[in-house]
Amino acid sequence: MTDLFYRIFIFWYVCGAFLLTFNILPPWLEWANTVFLMLAGIVAGIYFTQRYGLITGEFIVSLLL
């Protein structure tokens, strides 16, 4: 399951970087920034939980929120 979040995050990041670099982001796609931020938070939560364990990792994530 975590692999799925990483793959979606990388795909979303590459697409967003391409669209923003060449300034071709259509106005109807501005909601994509919200999705990117949510995915970044999920990936960070997964990372901290795997790196520091469940209790310490979740504590760090709660401090970041």
C-alpha atoms as a PDB file:
ATOM      1  CA  MET A   1       0.000   0.000   0.000  1.00  0.00           C
ATOM      2  CA  THR A   2       2.823   2.406   0.783  1.00  0.00           C
ATOM      3  CA  ASP A   3       4.343   1.659  -2.604  1.00  0.00           C
ATOM      4  CA  LEU A   4       1.129   2.862  -4.214  1.00  0.00           C
ATOM      5  CA  PHE A   5       1.288   6.219  -2.400  1.00  0.00           C
ATOM      6  CA  TYR A   6       4.934   6.690  -3.426  1.00  0.00           C
ATOM      7  CA  ARG A   7       4.167   5.938  -7.068  1.00  0.00           C
ATOM      8  CA  ILE A   8       1.152   8.262  -7.166  1.00  0.00           C
ATOM      9  CA  PHE A   9       3.177  10.999  -5.440  1.00  0.00           C
ATOM     10  CA  ILE A  10       6.070  10.716  -7.907  1.00  0.00           C
ATOM     11  CA  PHE A  11       3.688  10.695 -10.884  1.00  0.00           C
ATOM     12  CA  TRP A  12       1.784  13.725  -9.550  1.00  0.00           C
ATOM     13  CA  TYR A  13       5.056  15.553  -8.805  1.00  0.00           C
ATOM     14  CA  VAL A  14       6.485  14.980 -12.296  1.00  0.00           C
ATOM     15  CA  CYS A  15       3.257  16.060 -13.997  1.00  0.00           C
ATOM     16  CA  GLY A  16       2.980  19.151 -11.803  1.00  0.00           C
ATOM     17  CA  ALA A  17       6.609  20.112 -12.297  1.00  0.00           C
ATOM     18  CA  PHE A  18       6.214  19.809 -16.065  1.00  0.00           C
ATOM     19  CA  LEU A  19       3.006  21.859 -16.160  1.00  0.00           C
ATOM     20  CA  LEU A  20       4.325  24.574 -13.861  1.00  0.00           C
ATOM     21  CA  THR A  21       7.759  24.778 -15.492  1.00  0.00           C
ATOM     22  CA  PHE A  22       6.289  25.548 -18.897  1.00  0.00           C
ATOM     23  CA  ASN A  23       3.426  27.604 -17.445  1.00  0.00           C
ATOM     24  CA  ILE A  24       0.760  25.487 -19.126  1.00  0.00           C
ATOM     25  CA  LEU A  25      -1.374  24.728 -16.075  1.00  0.00           C
ATOM     26  CA  PRO A  26      -5.000  25.329 -17.056  1.00  0.00           C
ATOM     27  CA  PRO A  27      -7.187  27.224 -14.564  1.00  0.00           C
ATOM     28  CA  TRP A  28      -9.565  24.266 -14.142  1.00  0.00           C
ATOM     29  CA  LEU A  29      -6.645  22.164 -12.833  1.00  0.00           C
ATOM     30  CA  GLU A  30      -5.707  24.393  -9.876  1.00  0.00           C
ATOM     31  CA  TRP A  31      -7.284  21.880  -7.461  1.00  0.00           C
ATOM     32  CA  ALA A  32      -4.300  19.613  -8.195  1.00  0.00           C
ATOM     33  CA  ASN A  33      -2.216  21.593  -5.693  1.00  0.00           C
ATOM     34  CA  THR A  34      -4.488  20.414  -2.885  1.00  0.00           C
ATOM     35  CA  VAL A  35      -4.094  16.808  -3.963  1.00  0.00           C
ATOM     36  CA  PHE A  36      -0.304  17.238  -4.084  1.00  0.00           C
ATOM     37  CA  LEU A  37      -0.206  18.654  -0.561  1.00  0.00           C
ATOM     38  CA  MET A  38      -2.349  15.809   0.784  1.00  0.00           C
ATOM     39  CA  LEU A  39      -0.158  13.220  -0.926  1.00  0.00           C
ATOM     40  CA  ALA A  40       2.973  14.903   0.440  1.00  0.00           C
ATOM     41  CA  GLY A  41       1.534  14.728   3.961  1.00  0.00           C
ATOM     42  CA  ILE A  42       0.637  11.054   3.579  1.00  0.00           C
ATOM     43  CA  VAL A  43       4.103  10.216   2.243  1.00  0.00           C
ATOM     44  CA  ALA A  44       5.721  12.158   5.104  1.00  0.00           C
ATOM     45  CA  GLY A  45       3.552  10.307   7.627  1.00  0.00           C
ATOM     46  CA  ILE A  46       4.512   6.963   6.128  1.00  0.00           C
ATOM     47  CA  TYR A  47       8.189   7.911   6.126  1.00  0.00           C
ATOM     48  CA  PHE A  48       8.284   9.061   9.748  1.00  0.00           C
ATOM     49  CA  THR A  49       6.292   6.058  10.923  1.00  0.00           C
ATOM     50  CA  GLN A  50       8.598   3.613   9.139  1.00  0.00           C
ATOM     51  CA  ARG A  51      11.775   5.453  10.112  1.00  0.00           C
ATOM     52  CA  TYR A  52      11.089   6.134  13.800  1.00  0.00           C
ATOM     53  CA  GLY A  53       8.441   3.570  14.704  1.00  0.00           C
ATOM     54  CA  LEU A  54       4.757   3.965  15.300  1.00  0.00           C
ATOM     55  CA  ILE A  55       4.730   6.047  18.491  1.00  0.00           C
ATOM     56  CA  THR A  56       7.659   8.379  17.776  1.00  0.00           C
ATOM     57  CA  GLY A  57       6.787   8.705  14.088  1.00  0.00           C
ATOM     58  CA  GLU A  58       3.186   9.636  14.792  1.00  0.00           C
ATOM     59  CA  PHE A  59       4.343  12.104  17.445  1.00  0.00           C
ATOM     60  CA  ILE A  60       6.603  13.819  14.896  1.00  0.00           C
ATOM     61  CA  VAL A  61       3.784  13.897  12.336  1.00  0.00           C
ATOM     62  CA  SER A  62       1.410  15.416  14.888  1.00  0.00           C
ATOM     63  CA  LEU A  63       3.983  18.143  15.633  1.00  0.00           C
ATOM     64  CA  LEU A  64       4.188  18.979  11.930  1.00  0.00           C
ATOM     65  CA  LEU A  65       0.439  19.352  11.650  1.00  0.00           C
END
